[in-house]
Amino acid sequence: IPTKDERIKTLPLPRIAKYVSDFLD
């Protein structure tokens, strides 16, 4: 589940939430 981008910068919470939602699905 991504929490950082390609440059290793932390992703914003709404973007992480989308990846979490995909995982839960």
mmCIF file of all heavy atoms, coordinates in Angstrom:
data_MODEL
# 
_entry.id   MODEL 
# 
loop_
_atom_site.group_PDB 
_atom_site.id 
_atom_site.type_symbol 
_atom_site.label_atom_id 
_atom_site.label_alt_id 
_atom_site.label_comp_id 
_atom_site.label_asym_id 
_atom_site.label_entity_id 
_atom_site.label_seq_id 
_atom_site.pdbx_PDB_ins_code 
_atom_site.Cartn_x 
_atom_site.Cartn_y 
_atom_site.Cartn_z 
_atom_site.occupancy 
_atom_site.B_iso_or_equiv 
_atom_site.pdbx_formal_charge 
_atom_site.auth_seq_id 
_atom_site.auth_comp_id 
_atom_site.auth_asym_id 
_atom_site.auth_atom_id 
_atom_site.pdbx_PDB_model_num 
ATOM 1   N N   . ILE A 1 1  ? 0.875   -1.175 0.000   1.00 0.00 ? 1  ILE A N   1 
ATOM 2   C CA  . ILE A 1 1  ? 0.000   0.000  0.000   1.00 0.00 ? 1  ILE A CA  1 
ATOM 3   C C   . ILE A 1 1  ? 0.909   1.221  0.000   1.00 0.00 ? 1  ILE A C   1 
ATOM 4   O O   . ILE A 1 1  ? 1.614   1.472  0.983   1.00 0.00 ? 1  ILE A O   1 
ATOM 5   C CB  . ILE A 1 1  ? -0.927  0.038  1.227   1.00 0.00 ? 1  ILE A CB  1 
ATOM 6   C CG1 . ILE A 1 1  ? -1.862  -1.173 1.245   1.00 0.00 ? 1  ILE A CG1 1 
ATOM 7   C CG2 . ILE A 1 1  ? -1.722  1.346  1.252   1.00 0.00 ? 1  ILE A CG2 1 
ATOM 8   C CD1 . ILE A 1 1  ? -2.756  -1.259 2.471   1.00 0.00 ? 1  ILE A CD1 1 
ATOM 9   N N   . PRO A 1 2  ? 0.923   2.001  -1.082  1.00 0.00 ? 2  PRO A N   1 
ATOM 10  C CA  . PRO A 1 2  ? 1.826   3.155  -1.135  1.00 0.00 ? 2  PRO A CA  1 
ATOM 11  C C   . PRO A 1 2  ? 1.492   4.229  -0.096  1.00 0.00 ? 2  PRO A C   1 
ATOM 12  O O   . PRO A 1 2  ? 0.331   4.612  0.075   1.00 0.00 ? 2  PRO A O   1 
ATOM 13  C CB  . PRO A 1 2  ? 1.618   3.710  -2.540  1.00 0.00 ? 2  PRO A CB  1 
ATOM 14  C CG  . PRO A 1 2  ? 1.073   2.571  -3.322  1.00 0.00 ? 2  PRO A CG  1 
ATOM 15  C CD  . PRO A 1 2  ? 0.239   1.792  -2.349  1.00 0.00 ? 2  PRO A CD  1 
ATOM 16  N N   . THR A 1 3  ? 2.546   4.669  0.575   1.00 0.00 ? 3  THR A N   1 
ATOM 17  C CA  . THR A 1 3  ? 2.449   5.809  1.496   1.00 0.00 ? 3  THR A CA  1 
ATOM 18  C C   . THR A 1 3  ? 3.437   6.897  1.087   1.00 0.00 ? 3  THR A C   1 
ATOM 19  O O   . THR A 1 3  ? 3.444   7.977  1.658   1.00 0.00 ? 3  THR A O   1 
ATOM 20  C CB  . THR A 1 3  ? 2.730   5.373  2.946   1.00 0.00 ? 3  THR A CB  1 
ATOM 21  O OG1 . THR A 1 3  ? 4.034   4.801  3.026   1.00 0.00 ? 3  THR A OG1 1 
ATOM 22  C CG2 . THR A 1 3  ? 1.689   4.366  3.437   1.00 0.00 ? 3  THR A CG2 1 
ATOM 23  N N   . LYS A 1 4  ? 4.275   6.569  0.079   1.00 0.00 ? 4  LYS A N   1 
ATOM 24  C CA  . LYS A 1 4  ? 5.253   7.528  -0.454  1.00 0.00 ? 4  LYS A CA  1 
ATOM 25  C C   . LYS A 1 4  ? 5.232   7.455  -1.980  1.00 0.00 ? 4  LYS A C   1 
ATOM 26  O O   . LYS A 1 4  ? 4.857   6.432  -2.557  1.00 0.00 ? 4  LYS A O   1 
ATOM 27  C CB  . LYS A 1 4  ? 6.655   7.223  0.066   1.00 0.00 ? 4  LYS A CB  1 
ATOM 28  C CG  . LYS A 1 4  ? 6.798   7.466  1.561   1.00 0.00 ? 4  LYS A CG  1 
ATOM 29  C CD  . LYS A 1 4  ? 8.233   7.366  1.994   1.00 0.00 ? 4  LYS A CD  1 
ATOM 30  C CE  . LYS A 1 4  ? 8.358   7.806  3.443   1.00 0.00 ? 4  LYS A CE  1 
ATOM 31  N NZ  . LYS A 1 4  ? 9.733   8.173  3.752   1.00 0.00 ? 4  LYS A NZ  1 
ATOM 32  N N   . ASP A 1 5  ? 5.667   8.530  -2.619  1.00 0.00 ? 5  ASP A N   1 
ATOM 33  C CA  . ASP A 1 5  ? 5.677   8.582  -4.079  1.00 0.00 ? 5  ASP A CA  1 
ATOM 34  C C   . ASP A 1 5  ? 6.963   7.984  -4.644  1.00 0.00 ? 5  ASP A C   1 
ATOM 35  O O   . ASP A 1 5  ? 7.763   7.388  -3.912  1.00 0.00 ? 5  ASP A O   1 
ATOM 36  C CB  . ASP A 1 5  ? 5.421   10.005 -4.572  1.00 0.00 ? 5  ASP A CB  1 
ATOM 37  C CG  . ASP A 1 5  ? 6.559   10.983 -4.258  1.00 0.00 ? 5  ASP A CG  1 
ATOM 38  O OD1 . ASP A 1 5  ? 7.678   10.550 -3.874  1.00 0.00 ? 5  ASP A OD1 1 
ATOM 39  O OD2 . ASP A 1 5  ? 6.336   12.197 -4.404  1.00 0.00 ? 5  ASP A OD2 1 
ATOM 40  N N   . GLU A 1 6  ? 7.179   8.164  -5.946  1.00 0.00 ? 6  GLU A N   1 
ATOM 41  C CA  . GLU A 1 6  ? 8.355   7.613  -6.611  1.00 0.00 ? 6  GLU A CA  1 
ATOM 42  C C   . GLU A 1 6  ? 9.649   8.243  -6.119  1.00 0.00 ? 6  GLU A C   1 
ATOM 43  O O   . GLU A 1 6  ? 10.720  7.653  -6.230  1.00 0.00 ? 6  GLU A O   1 
ATOM 44  C CB  . GLU A 1 6  ? 8.267   7.826  -8.136  1.00 0.00 ? 6  GLU A CB  1 
ATOM 45  C CG  . GLU A 1 6  ? 7.096   7.131  -8.787  1.00 0.00 ? 6  GLU A CG  1 
ATOM 46  C CD  . GLU A 1 6  ? 5.809   7.960  -8.778  1.00 0.00 ? 6  GLU A CD  1 
ATOM 47  O OE1 . GLU A 1 6  ? 5.689   8.975  -8.035  1.00 0.00 ? 6  GLU A OE1 1 
ATOM 48  O OE2 . GLU A 1 6  ? 4.888   7.581  -9.513  1.00 0.00 ? 6  GLU A OE2 1 
ATOM 49  N N   . ARG A 1 7  ? 9.575   9.456  -5.612  1.00 0.00 ? 7  ARG A N   1 
ATOM 50  C CA  . ARG A 1 7  ? 10.768  10.151 -5.093  1.00 0.00 ? 7  ARG A CA  1 
ATOM 51  C C   . ARG A 1 7  ? 10.924  9.978  -3.589  1.00 0.00 ? 7  ARG A C   1 
ATOM 52  O O   . ARG A 1 7  ? 11.685  10.694 -2.952  1.00 0.00 ? 7  ARG A O   1 
ATOM 53  C CB  . ARG A 1 7  ? 10.679  11.633 -5.450  1.00 0.00 ? 7  ARG A CB  1 
ATOM 54  C CG  . ARG A 1 7  ? 10.727  11.868 -6.939  1.00 0.00 ? 7  ARG A CG  1 
ATOM 55  C CD  . ARG A 1 7  ? 10.669  13.333 -7.228  1.00 0.00 ? 7  ARG A CD  1 
ATOM 56  N NE  . ARG A 1 7  ? 10.604  13.544 -8.663  1.00 0.00 ? 7  ARG A NE  1 
ATOM 57  C CZ  . ARG A 1 7  ? 10.045  14.582 -9.231  1.00 0.00 ? 7  ARG A CZ  1 
ATOM 58  N NH1 . ARG A 1 7  ? 9.493   15.526 -8.493  1.00 0.00 ? 7  ARG A NH1 1 
ATOM 59  N NH2 . ARG A 1 7  ? 10.028  14.695 -10.533 1.00 0.00 ? 7  ARG A NH2 1 
ATOM 60  N N   . ILE A 1 8  ? 10.125  9.109  -3.029  1.00 0.00 ? 8  ILE A N   1 
ATOM 61  C CA  . ILE A 1 8  ? 10.146  8.774  -1.603  1.00 0.00 ? 8  ILE A CA  1 
ATOM 62  C C   . ILE A 1 8  ? 9.649   9.944  -0.742  1.00 0.00 ? 8  ILE A C   1 
ATOM 63  O O   . ILE A 1 8  ? 10.051  10.105 0.406   1.00 0.00 ? 8  ILE A O   1 
ATOM 64  C CB  . ILE A 1 8  ? 11.543  8.266  -1.142  1.00 0.00 ? 8  ILE A CB  1 
ATOM 65  C CG1 . ILE A 1 8  ? 12.161  7.347  -2.202  1.00 0.00 ? 8  ILE A CG1 1 
ATOM 66  C CG2 . ILE A 1 8  ? 11.445  7.521  0.182   1.00 0.00 ? 8  ILE A CG2 1 
ATOM 67  C CD1 . ILE A 1 8  ? 11.344  6.098  -2.544  1.00 0.00 ? 8  ILE A CD1 1 
ATOM 68  N N   . LYS A 1 9  ? 8.768   10.747 -1.282  1.00 0.00 ? 9  LYS A N   1 
ATOM 69  C CA  . LYS A 1 9  ? 8.105   11.819 -0.528  1.00 0.00 ? 9  LYS A CA  1 
ATOM 70  C C   . LYS A 1 9  ? 6.762   11.286 -0.049  1.00 0.00 ? 9  LYS A C   1 
ATOM 71  O O   . LYS A 1 9  ? 6.055   10.587 -0.791  1.00 0.00 ? 9  LYS A O   1 
ATOM 72  C CB  . LYS A 1 9  ? 7.876   13.060 -1.395  1.00 0.00 ? 9  LYS A CB  1 
ATOM 73  C CG  . LYS A 1 9  ? 9.147   13.637 -1.981  1.00 0.00 ? 9  LYS A CG  1 
ATOM 74  C CD  . LYS A 1 9  ? 10.003  14.252 -0.917  1.00 0.00 ? 9  LYS A CD  1 
ATOM 75  C CE  . LYS A 1 9  ? 11.233  14.887 -1.542  1.00 0.00 ? 9  LYS A CE  1 
ATOM 76  N NZ  . LYS A 1 9  ? 12.314  15.048 -0.631  1.00 0.00 ? 9  LYS A NZ  1 
ATOM 77  N N   . THR A 1 10 ? 6.393   11.617 1.168   1.00 0.00 ? 10 THR A N   1 
ATOM 78  C CA  . THR A 1 10 ? 5.147   11.129 1.753   1.00 0.00 ? 10 THR A CA  1 
ATOM 79  C C   . THR A 1 10 ? 3.935   11.596 0.953   1.00 0.00 ? 10 THR A C   1 
ATOM 80  O O   . THR A 1 10 ? 3.824   12.767 0.595   1.00 0.00 ? 10 THR A O   1 
ATOM 81  C CB  . THR A 1 10 ? 5.039   11.609 3.221   1.00 0.00 ? 10 THR A CB  1 
ATOM 82  O OG1 . THR A 1 10 ? 6.159   11.072 3.946   1.00 0.00 ? 10 THR A OG1 1 
ATOM 83  C CG2 . THR A 1 10 ? 3.754   11.131 3.869   1.00 0.00 ? 10 THR A CG2 1 
ATOM 84  N N   . LEU A 1 11 ? 3.041   10.653 0.681   1.00 0.00 ? 11 LEU A N   1 
ATOM 85  C CA  . LEU A 1 11 ? 1.802   10.958 -0.026  1.00 0.00 ? 11 LEU A CA  1 
ATOM 86  C C   . LEU A 1 11 ? 0.805   11.632 0.918   1.00 0.00 ? 11 LEU A C   1 
ATOM 87  O O   . LEU A 1 11 ? 0.805   11.355 2.122   1.00 0.00 ? 11 LEU A O   1 
ATOM 88  C CB  . LEU A 1 11 ? 1.162   9.669  -0.563  1.00 0.00 ? 11 LEU A CB  1 
ATOM 89  C CG  . LEU A 1 11 ? 1.911   8.923  -1.658  1.00 0.00 ? 11 LEU A CG  1 
ATOM 90  C CD1 . LEU A 1 11 ? 1.243   7.579  -1.939  1.00 0.00 ? 11 LEU A CD1 1 
ATOM 91  C CD2 . LEU A 1 11 ? 1.979   9.756  -2.925  1.00 0.00 ? 11 LEU A CD2 1 
ATOM 92  N N   . PRO A 1 12 ? -0.088  12.472 0.390   1.00 0.00 ? 12 PRO A N   1 
ATOM 93  C CA  . PRO A 1 12 ? -1.140  13.056 1.230   1.00 0.00 ? 12 PRO A CA  1 
ATOM 94  C C   . PRO A 1 12 ? -2.147  11.972 1.654   1.00 0.00 ? 12 PRO A C   1 
ATOM 95  O O   . PRO A 1 12 ? -2.341  10.978 0.936   1.00 0.00 ? 12 PRO A O   1 
ATOM 96  C CB  . PRO A 1 12 ? -1.791  14.107 0.333   1.00 0.00 ? 12 PRO A CB  1 
ATOM 97  C CG  . PRO A 1 12 ? -1.381  13.768 -1.053  1.00 0.00 ? 12 PRO A CG  1 
ATOM 98  C CD  . PRO A 1 12 ? -0.114  12.968 -0.974  1.00 0.00 ? 12 PRO A CD  1 
ATOM 99  N N   . LEU A 1 13 ? -2.779  12.198 2.782   1.00 0.00 ? 13 LEU A N   1 
ATOM 100 C CA  . LEU A 1 13 ? -3.712  11.205 3.333   1.00 0.00 ? 13 LEU A CA  1 
ATOM 101 C C   . LEU A 1 13 ? -4.808  10.787 2.354   1.00 0.00 ? 13 LEU A C   1 
ATOM 102 O O   . LEU A 1 13 ? -5.106  9.586  2.262   1.00 0.00 ? 13 LEU A O   1 
ATOM 103 C CB  . LEU A 1 13 ? -4.313  11.710 4.643   1.00 0.00 ? 13 LEU A CB  1 
ATOM 104 C CG  . LEU A 1 13 ? -3.355  11.698 5.834   1.00 0.00 ? 13 LEU A CG  1 
ATOM 105 C CD1 . LEU A 1 13 ? -3.947  12.459 7.016   1.00 0.00 ? 13 LEU A CD1 1 
ATOM 106 C CD2 . LEU A 1 13 ? -3.006  10.279 6.231   1.00 0.00 ? 13 LEU A CD2 1 
ATOM 107 N N   . PRO A 1 14 ? -5.444  11.701 1.607   1.00 0.00 ? 14 PRO A N   1 
ATOM 108 C CA  . PRO A 1 14 ? -6.493  11.251 0.684   1.00 0.00 ? 14 PRO A CA  1 
ATOM 109 C C   . PRO A 1 14 ? -5.983  10.275 -0.382  1.00 0.00 ? 14 PRO A C   1 
ATOM 110 O O   . PRO A 1 14 ? -6.690  9.360  -0.795  1.00 0.00 ? 14 PRO A O   1 
ATOM 111 C CB  . PRO A 1 14 ? -6.997  12.544 0.039   1.00 0.00 ? 14 PRO A CB  1 
ATOM 112 C CG  . PRO A 1 14 ? -6.666  13.611 1.026   1.00 0.00 ? 14 PRO A CG  1 
ATOM 113 C CD  . PRO A 1 14 ? -5.371  13.169 1.664   1.00 0.00 ? 14 PRO A CD  1 
ATOM 114 N N   . ARG A 1 15 ? -4.758  10.450 -0.794  1.00 0.00 ? 15 ARG A N   1 
ATOM 115 C CA  . ARG A 1 15 ? -4.189  9.540  -1.792  1.00 0.00 ? 15 ARG A CA  1 
ATOM 116 C C   . ARG A 1 15 ? -3.908  8.171  -1.167  1.00 0.00 ? 15 ARG A C   1 
ATOM 117 O O   . ARG A 1 15 ? -4.178  7.131  -1.783  1.00 0.00 ? 15 ARG A O   1 
ATOM 118 C CB  . ARG A 1 15 ? -2.906  10.144 -2.360  1.00 0.00 ? 15 ARG A CB  1 
ATOM 119 C CG  . ARG A 1 15 ? -2.474  9.476  -3.612  1.00 0.00 ? 15 ARG A CG  1 
ATOM 120 C CD  . ARG A 1 15 ? -1.878  10.421 -4.617  1.00 0.00 ? 15 ARG A CD  1 
ATOM 121 N NE  . ARG A 1 15 ? -1.282  9.608  -5.665  1.00 0.00 ? 15 ARG A NE  1 
ATOM 122 C CZ  . ARG A 1 15 ? -0.092  9.799  -6.173  1.00 0.00 ? 15 ARG A CZ  1 
ATOM 123 N NH1 . ARG A 1 15 ? 0.634   10.818 -5.786  1.00 0.00 ? 15 ARG A NH1 1 
ATOM 124 N NH2 . ARG A 1 15 ? 0.364   9.000  -7.100  1.00 0.00 ? 15 ARG A NH2 1 
ATOM 125 N N   . ILE A 1 16 ? -3.396  8.165  0.053   1.00 0.00 ? 16 ILE A N   1 
ATOM 126 C CA  . ILE A 1 16 ? -3.179  6.898  0.765   1.00 0.00 ? 16 ILE A CA  1 
ATOM 127 C C   . ILE A 1 16 ? -4.516  6.197  0.967   1.00 0.00 ? 16 ILE A C   1 
ATOM 128 O O   . ILE A 1 16 ? -4.628  4.978  0.773   1.00 0.00 ? 16 ILE A O   1 
ATOM 129 C CB  . ILE A 1 16 ? -2.458  7.124  2.107   1.00 0.00 ? 16 ILE A CB  1 
ATOM 130 C CG1 . ILE A 1 16 ? -1.037  7.653  1.868   1.00 0.00 ? 16 ILE A CG1 1 
ATOM 131 C CG2 . ILE A 1 16 ? -2.420  5.835  2.932   1.00 0.00 ? 16 ILE A CG2 1 
ATOM 132 C CD1 . ILE A 1 16 ? -0.326  8.130  3.133   1.00 0.00 ? 16 ILE A CD1 1 
ATOM 133 N N   . ALA A 1 17 ? -5.549  6.959  1.330   1.00 0.00 ? 17 ALA A N   1 
ATOM 134 C CA  . ALA A 1 17 ? -6.881  6.382  1.557   1.00 0.00 ? 17 ALA A CA  1 
ATOM 135 C C   . ALA A 1 17 ? -7.397  5.658  0.321   1.00 0.00 ? 17 ALA A C   1 
ATOM 136 O O   . ALA A 1 17 ? -8.047  4.608  0.431   1.00 0.00 ? 17 ALA A O   1 
ATOM 137 C CB  . ALA A 1 17 ? -7.859  7.468  1.993   1.00 0.00 ? 17 ALA A CB  1 
ATOM 138 N N   . LYS A 1 18 ? -7.114  6.168  -0.859  1.00 0.00 ? 18 LYS A N   1 
ATOM 139 C CA  . LYS A 1 18 ? -7.540  5.502  -2.100  1.00 0.00 ? 18 LYS A CA  1 
ATOM 140 C C   . LYS A 1 18 ? -6.841  4.153  -2.237  1.00 0.00 ? 18 LYS A C   1 
ATOM 141 O O   . LYS A 1 18 ? -7.467  3.152  -2.593  1.00 0.00 ? 18 LYS A O   1 
ATOM 142 C CB  . LYS A 1 18 ? -7.227  6.406  -3.299  1.00 0.00 ? 18 LYS A CB  1 
ATOM 143 C CG  . LYS A 1 18 ? -7.409  5.741  -4.646  1.00 0.00 ? 18 LYS A CG  1 
ATOM 144 C CD  . LYS A 1 18 ? -8.861  5.351  -4.918  1.00 0.00 ? 18 LYS A CD  1 
ATOM 145 C CE  . LYS A 1 18 ? -9.034  4.856  -6.347  1.00 0.00 ? 18 LYS A CE  1 
ATOM 146 N NZ  . LYS A 1 18 ? -9.338  3.441  -6.454  1.00 0.00 ? 18 LYS A NZ  1 
ATOM 147 N N   . TYR A 1 19 ? -5.546  4.107  -1.946  1.00 0.00 ? 19 TYR A N   1 
ATOM 148 C CA  . TYR A 1 19 ? -4.826  2.837  -2.017  1.00 0.00 ? 19 TYR A CA  1 
ATOM 149 C C   . TYR A 1 19 ? -5.315  1.854  -0.948  1.00 0.00 ? 19 TYR A C   1 
ATOM 150 O O   . TYR A 1 19 ? -5.395  0.647  -1.200  1.00 0.00 ? 19 TYR A O   1 
ATOM 151 C CB  . TYR A 1 19 ? -3.314  3.057  -1.885  1.00 0.00 ? 19 TYR A CB  1 
ATOM 152 C CG  . TYR A 1 19 ? -2.697  3.710  -3.099  1.00 0.00 ? 19 TYR A CG  1 
ATOM 153 C CD1 . TYR A 1 19 ? -2.133  4.968  -3.018  1.00 0.00 ? 19 TYR A CD1 1 
ATOM 154 C CD2 . TYR A 1 19 ? -2.676  3.063  -4.337  1.00 0.00 ? 19 TYR A CD2 1 
ATOM 155 C CE1 . TYR A 1 19 ? -1.554  5.577  -4.129  1.00 0.00 ? 19 TYR A CE1 1 
ATOM 156 C CE2 . TYR A 1 19 ? -2.105  3.659  -5.450  1.00 0.00 ? 19 TYR A CE2 1 
ATOM 157 C CZ  . TYR A 1 19 ? -1.550  4.911  -5.344  1.00 0.00 ? 19 TYR A CZ  1 
ATOM 158 O OH  . TYR A 1 19 ? -0.981  5.506  -6.453  1.00 0.00 ? 19 TYR A OH  1 
ATOM 159 N N   . VAL A 1 20 ? -5.651  2.358  0.239   1.00 0.00 ? 20 VAL A N   1 
ATOM 160 C CA  . VAL A 1 20 ? -6.205  1.497  1.285   1.00 0.00 ? 20 VAL A CA  1 
ATOM 161 C C   . VAL A 1 20 ? -7.548  0.935  0.820   1.00 0.00 ? 20 VAL A C   1 
ATOM 162 O O   . VAL A 1 20 ? -7.829  -0.254 0.987   1.00 0.00 ? 20 VAL A O   1 
ATOM 163 C CB  . VAL A 1 20 ? -6.352  2.257  2.621   1.00 0.00 ? 20 VAL A CB  1 
ATOM 164 C CG1 . VAL A 1 20 ? -7.164  1.445  3.628   1.00 0.00 ? 20 VAL A CG1 1 
ATOM 165 C CG2 . VAL A 1 20 ? -4.979  2.589  3.204   1.00 0.00 ? 20 VAL A CG2 1 
ATOM 166 N N   . SER A 1 21 ? -8.374  1.772  0.223   1.00 0.00 ? 21 SER A N   1 
ATOM 167 C CA  . SER A 1 21 ? -9.677  1.321  -0.286  1.00 0.00 ? 21 SER A CA  1 
ATOM 168 C C   . SER A 1 21 ? -9.495  0.214  -1.329  1.00 0.00 ? 21 SER A C   1 
ATOM 169 O O   . SER A 1 21 ? -10.223 -0.790 -1.316  1.00 0.00 ? 21 SER A O   1 
ATOM 170 C CB  . SER A 1 21 ? -10.424 2.507  -0.882  1.00 0.00 ? 21 SER A CB  1 
ATOM 171 O OG  . SER A 1 21 ? -11.650 2.091  -1.424  1.00 0.00 ? 21 SER A OG  1 
ATOM 172 N N   . ASP A 1 22 ? -8.533  0.382  -2.217  1.00 0.00 ? 22 ASP A N   1 
ATOM 173 C CA  . ASP A 1 22 ? -8.244  -0.656 -3.212  1.00 0.00 ? 22 ASP A CA  1 
ATOM 174 C C   . ASP A 1 22 ? -7.831  -1.959 -2.535  1.00 0.00 ? 22 ASP A C   1 
ATOM 175 O O   . ASP A 1 22 ? -8.261  -3.050 -2.935  1.00 0.00 ? 22 ASP A O   1 
ATOM 176 C CB  . ASP A 1 22 ? -7.141  -0.206 -4.164  1.00 0.00 ? 22 ASP A CB  1 
ATOM 177 C CG  . ASP A 1 22 ? -7.568  0.939  -5.069  1.00 0.00 ? 22 ASP A CG  1 
ATOM 178 O OD1 . ASP A 1 22 ? -8.786  1.222  -5.195  1.00 0.00 ? 22 ASP A OD1 1 
ATOM 179 O OD2 . ASP A 1 22 ? -6.659  1.567  -5.665  1.00 0.00 ? 22 ASP A OD2 1 
ATOM 180 N N   . PHE A 1 23 ? -6.996  -1.852 -1.493  1.00 0.00 ? 23 PHE A N   1 
ATOM 181 C CA  . PHE A 1 23 ? -6.587  -3.045 -0.748  1.00 0.00 ? 23 PHE A CA  1 
ATOM 182 C C   . PHE A 1 23 ? -7.788  -3.721 -0.093  1.00 0.00 ? 23 PHE A C   1 
ATOM 183 O O   . PHE A 1 23 ? -7.945  -4.940 -0.165  1.00 0.00 ? 23 PHE A O   1 
ATOM 184 C CB  . PHE A 1 23 ? -5.534  -2.712 0.321   1.00 0.00 ? 23 PHE A CB  1 
ATOM 185 C CG  . PHE A 1 23 ? -5.459  -3.770 1.380   1.00 0.00 ? 23 PHE A CG  1 
ATOM 186 C CD1 . PHE A 1 23 ? -4.949  -5.030 1.080   1.00 0.00 ? 23 PHE A CD1 1 
ATOM 187 C CD2 . PHE A 1 23 ? -5.949  -3.538 2.658   1.00 0.00 ? 23 PHE A CD2 1 
ATOM 188 C CE1 . PHE A 1 23 ? -4.925  -6.039 2.046   1.00 0.00 ? 23 PHE A CE1 1 
ATOM 189 C CE2 . PHE A 1 23 ? -5.921  -4.529 3.620   1.00 0.00 ? 23 PHE A CE2 1 
ATOM 190 C CZ  . PHE A 1 23 ? -5.413  -5.784 3.311   1.00 0.00 ? 23 PHE A CZ  1 
ATOM 191 N N   . LEU A 1 24 ? -8.653  -2.932 0.555   1.00 0.00 ? 24 LEU A N   1 
ATOM 192 C CA  . LEU A 1 24 ? -9.818  -3.514 1.227   1.00 0.00 ? 24 LEU A CA  1 
ATOM 193 C C   . LEU A 1 24 ? -10.731 -4.216 0.223   1.00 0.00 ? 24 LEU A C   1 
ATOM 194 O O   . LEU A 1 24 ? -11.295 -5.275 0.529   1.00 0.00 ? 24 LEU A O   1 
ATOM 195 C CB  . LEU A 1 24 ? -10.564 -2.444 2.019   1.00 0.00 ? 24 LEU A CB  1 
ATOM 196 C CG  . LEU A 1 24 ? -9.782  -1.849 3.202   1.00 0.00 ? 24 LEU A CG  1 
ATOM 197 C CD1 . LEU A 1 24 ? -10.580 -0.735 3.860   1.00 0.00 ? 24 LEU A CD1 1 
ATOM 198 C CD2 . LEU A 1 24 ? -9.392  -2.918 4.211   1.00 0.00 ? 24 LEU A CD2 1 
ATOM 199 N N   . ASP A 1 25 ? -10.872 -3.659 -0.965  1.00 0.00 ? 25 ASP A N   1 
ATOM 200 C CA  . ASP A 1 25 ? -11.639 -4.331 -2.019  1.00 0.00 ? 25 ASP A CA  1 
ATOM 201 C C   . ASP A 1 25 ? -11.001 -5.674 -2.367  1.00 0.00 ? 25 ASP A C   1 
ATOM 202 O O   . ASP A 1 25 ? -11.699 -6.686 -2.537  1.00 0.00 ? 25 ASP A O   1 
ATOM 203 C CB  . ASP A 1 25 ? -11.720 -3.461 -3.278  1.00 0.00 ? 25 ASP A CB  1 
ATOM 204 C CG  . ASP A 1 25 ? -12.626 -2.262 -3.119  1.00 0.00 ? 25 ASP A CG  1 
ATOM 205 O OD1 . ASP A 1 25 ? -13.442 -2.211 -2.165  1.00 0.00 ? 25 ASP A OD1 1 
ATOM 206 O OD2 . ASP A 1 25 ? -12.516 -1.340 -3.967  1.00 0.00 ? 25 ASP A OD2 1 
# 
